[in-house]
Amino acid sequence: MNTAKRPTVPGGPGSYLTRPPDPARIAAYLGLFVLGAVIGAAGALIQDAWFPGGLLLALAGAAGLFLGGERAIGTRAGAVAPGAGWLIAVLLLTATRPEGDFLFGAGVGSYVFLLGGLAAAVICATLPRDIQGQG
């Protein structure tokens, strides 16, 4: 007989698919998504303004939001929601406009911001919970 204890998720027993959706959790995910988009847009503006300090500040803000979202919600989706908002905002801002205006130059800083933000989101979403201090 298997007596291993199954891991439980916040909010009670059962899978996310078998429980009714929690409106507070959905609102939290939407809020984190919007915050991710705001941090992505702000980081896109600041990353080249005060190079390299602006780049480090933008990446630190994004990583802080991703890790803070994961810790606040208590699941990995708490890091994925702001990461998705960040990614969508940054990808929309990388496109050139018909007038020829653009926000990202072809410099090293822009690529470090794009790849560093993606790496921070993936790292925060995939860290084991015991390493993060939540056992």
Protein backbone atom coordinates (compact mmCIF):
# COMPACT_ATOMS: atom_id res chain seq x y z
CA MET A 1 0.00 0.00 0.00
CA ASN A 2 1.37 3.37 -1.01
CA THR A 3 1.36 5.71 1.98
CA ALA A 4 3.23 8.54 0.31
CA LYS A 5 1.61 11.87 0.97
CA ARG A 6 0.51 13.76 -2.11
CA PRO A 7 1.56 17.38 -2.35
CA THR A 8 -1.31 19.77 -1.78
CA VAL A 9 -1.90 23.07 -3.47
CA PRO A 10 -3.05 26.24 -1.77
CA GLY A 11 -6.81 26.53 -1.59
CA GLY A 12 -7.63 22.98 -0.62
CA PRO A 13 -7.34 19.45 -1.96
CA GLY A 14 -7.86 18.54 -5.55
CA SER A 15 -6.45 19.55 -8.87
CA TYR A 16 -6.89 22.97 -10.38
CA LEU A 17 -8.99 21.28 -13.03
CA THR A 18 -11.41 19.70 -10.55
CA ARG A 19 -12.08 22.79 -8.43
CA PRO A 20 -14.26 25.71 -9.48
CA PRO A 21 -12.23 28.77 -10.48
CA ASP A 22 -11.47 31.15 -7.64
CA PRO A 23 -12.31 34.77 -8.64
CA ALA A 24 -9.64 36.18 -6.32
CA ARG A 25 -6.95 33.99 -7.88
CA ILE A 26 -8.07 34.94 -11.40
CA ALA A 27 -7.96 38.64 -10.45
CA ALA A 28 -4.48 38.15 -8.99
CA TYR A 29 -3.25 36.52 -12.20
CA LEU A 30 -4.75 39.31 -14.31
CA GLY A 31 -3.18 41.91 -12.04
CA LEU A 32 0.21 40.23 -12.33
CA PHE A 33 -0.21 40.05 -16.11
CA VAL A 34 -0.87 43.79 -16.29
CA LEU A 35 2.05 44.52 -13.93
CA GLY A 36 4.28 42.41 -16.17
CA ALA A 37 3.23 44.47 -19.19
CA VAL A 38 3.90 47.72 -17.32
CA ILE A 39 7.33 46.52 -16.14
CA GLY A 40 8.15 45.39 -19.69
CA ALA A 41 7.20 48.77 -21.18
CA ALA A 42 9.06 50.69 -18.47
CA GLY A 43 12.10 48.46 -18.85
CA ALA A 44 12.08 48.96 -22.60
CA LEU A 45 12.22 52.71 -22.07
CA ILE A 46 14.86 52.70 -19.33
CA GLN A 47 17.19 49.92 -20.47
CA ASP A 48 19.01 52.10 -22.98
CA ALA A 49 18.60 55.43 -21.20
CA TRP A 50 21.25 54.95 -18.51
CA PHE A 51 23.35 52.14 -19.89
CA PRO A 52 24.37 49.88 -18.11
CA GLY A 53 22.58 51.00 -14.93
CA GLY A 54 19.20 51.26 -16.66
CA LEU A 55 19.58 47.77 -18.09
CA LEU A 56 20.40 46.31 -14.69
CA LEU A 57 17.50 48.20 -13.11
CA ALA A 58 15.06 46.97 -15.76
CA LEU A 59 16.19 43.35 -15.39
CA ALA A 60 16.13 43.54 -11.59
CA GLY A 61 12.60 44.97 -11.66
CA ALA A 62 11.40 42.23 -13.98
CA ALA A 63 13.05 39.45 -11.98
CA GLY A 64 11.66 40.89 -8.76
CA LEU A 65 8.16 40.92 -10.18
CA PHE A 66 8.43 37.34 -11.46
CA LEU A 67 9.75 35.98 -8.17
CA GLY A 68 7.37 38.14 -6.13
CA GLY A 69 4.41 36.92 -8.16
CA GLU A 70 5.42 33.32 -7.59
CA ARG A 71 5.77 33.85 -3.86
CA ALA A 72 2.57 35.89 -3.53
CA ILE A 73 0.39 33.37 -5.38
CA GLY A 74 2.23 30.30 -4.13
CA THR A 75 2.34 28.52 -7.48
CA ARG A 76 4.59 28.65 -10.50
CA ALA A 77 1.80 30.27 -12.47
CA GLY A 78 2.40 33.32 -10.29
CA ALA A 79 5.68 33.81 -12.16
CA VAL A 80 4.27 32.83 -15.55
CA ALA A 81 1.48 35.45 -15.53
CA PRO A 82 3.76 38.51 -15.21
CA GLY A 83 6.26 36.83 -17.52
CA ALA A 84 3.61 36.53 -20.21
CA GLY A 85 2.59 40.17 -19.77
CA TRP A 86 6.25 41.24 -19.92
CA LEU A 87 6.89 39.19 -23.04
CA ILE A 88 3.84 40.47 -24.91
CA ALA A 89 4.63 44.10 -24.08
CA VAL A 90 8.27 43.78 -25.07
CA LEU A 91 7.49 41.96 -28.32
CA LEU A 92 4.93 44.60 -29.27
CA LEU A 93 7.50 47.31 -28.57
CA THR A 94 10.20 45.66 -30.69
CA ALA A 95 8.16 46.04 -33.87
CA THR A 96 8.98 49.03 -36.02
CA ARG A 97 6.23 51.44 -36.91
CA PRO A 98 5.35 52.45 -40.49
CA GLU A 99 7.01 55.81 -39.87
CA GLY A 100 10.28 54.04 -39.14
CA ASP A 101 10.25 54.69 -35.40
CA PHE A 102 11.48 51.98 -33.08
CA LEU A 103 12.16 51.56 -29.39
CA PHE A 104 14.89 48.93 -29.47
CA GLY A 105 18.14 49.55 -31.27
CA ALA A 106 20.32 46.78 -32.58
CA GLY A 107 22.77 47.08 -29.69
CA VAL A 108 23.98 44.60 -27.12
CA GLY A 109 21.86 46.19 -24.38
CA SER A 110 18.60 45.47 -26.21
CA TYR A 111 19.48 41.84 -26.74
CA VAL A 112 20.59 41.44 -23.12
CA PHE A 113 17.29 42.97 -21.99
CA LEU A 114 15.22 40.65 -24.18
CA LEU A 115 17.12 37.46 -23.40
CA GLY A 116 17.79 38.37 -19.77
CA GLY A 117 14.11 39.07 -19.10
CA LEU A 118 13.10 35.79 -20.69
CA ALA A 119 15.74 33.93 -18.70
CA ALA A 120 14.60 35.57 -15.46
CA ALA A 121 10.99 34.54 -16.13
CA VAL A 122 11.95 30.96 -16.91
CA ILE A 123 14.27 30.70 -13.90
CA CYS A 124 11.64 32.10 -11.50
CA ALA A 125 8.96 29.80 -12.91
CA THR A 126 11.05 26.64 -12.75
CA LEU A 127 13.03 26.92 -9.52
CA PRO A 128 12.23 24.11 -7.13
CA ARG A 129 10.11 25.36 -4.25
CA ASP A 130 12.49 24.10 -1.54
CA ILE A 131 15.34 26.19 -2.98
CA GLN A 132 13.12 29.26 -2.81
CA GLY A 133 12.68 28.69 0.91
CA GLN A 134 9.06 27.54 0.77
CA GLY A 135 9.77 23.85 1.45
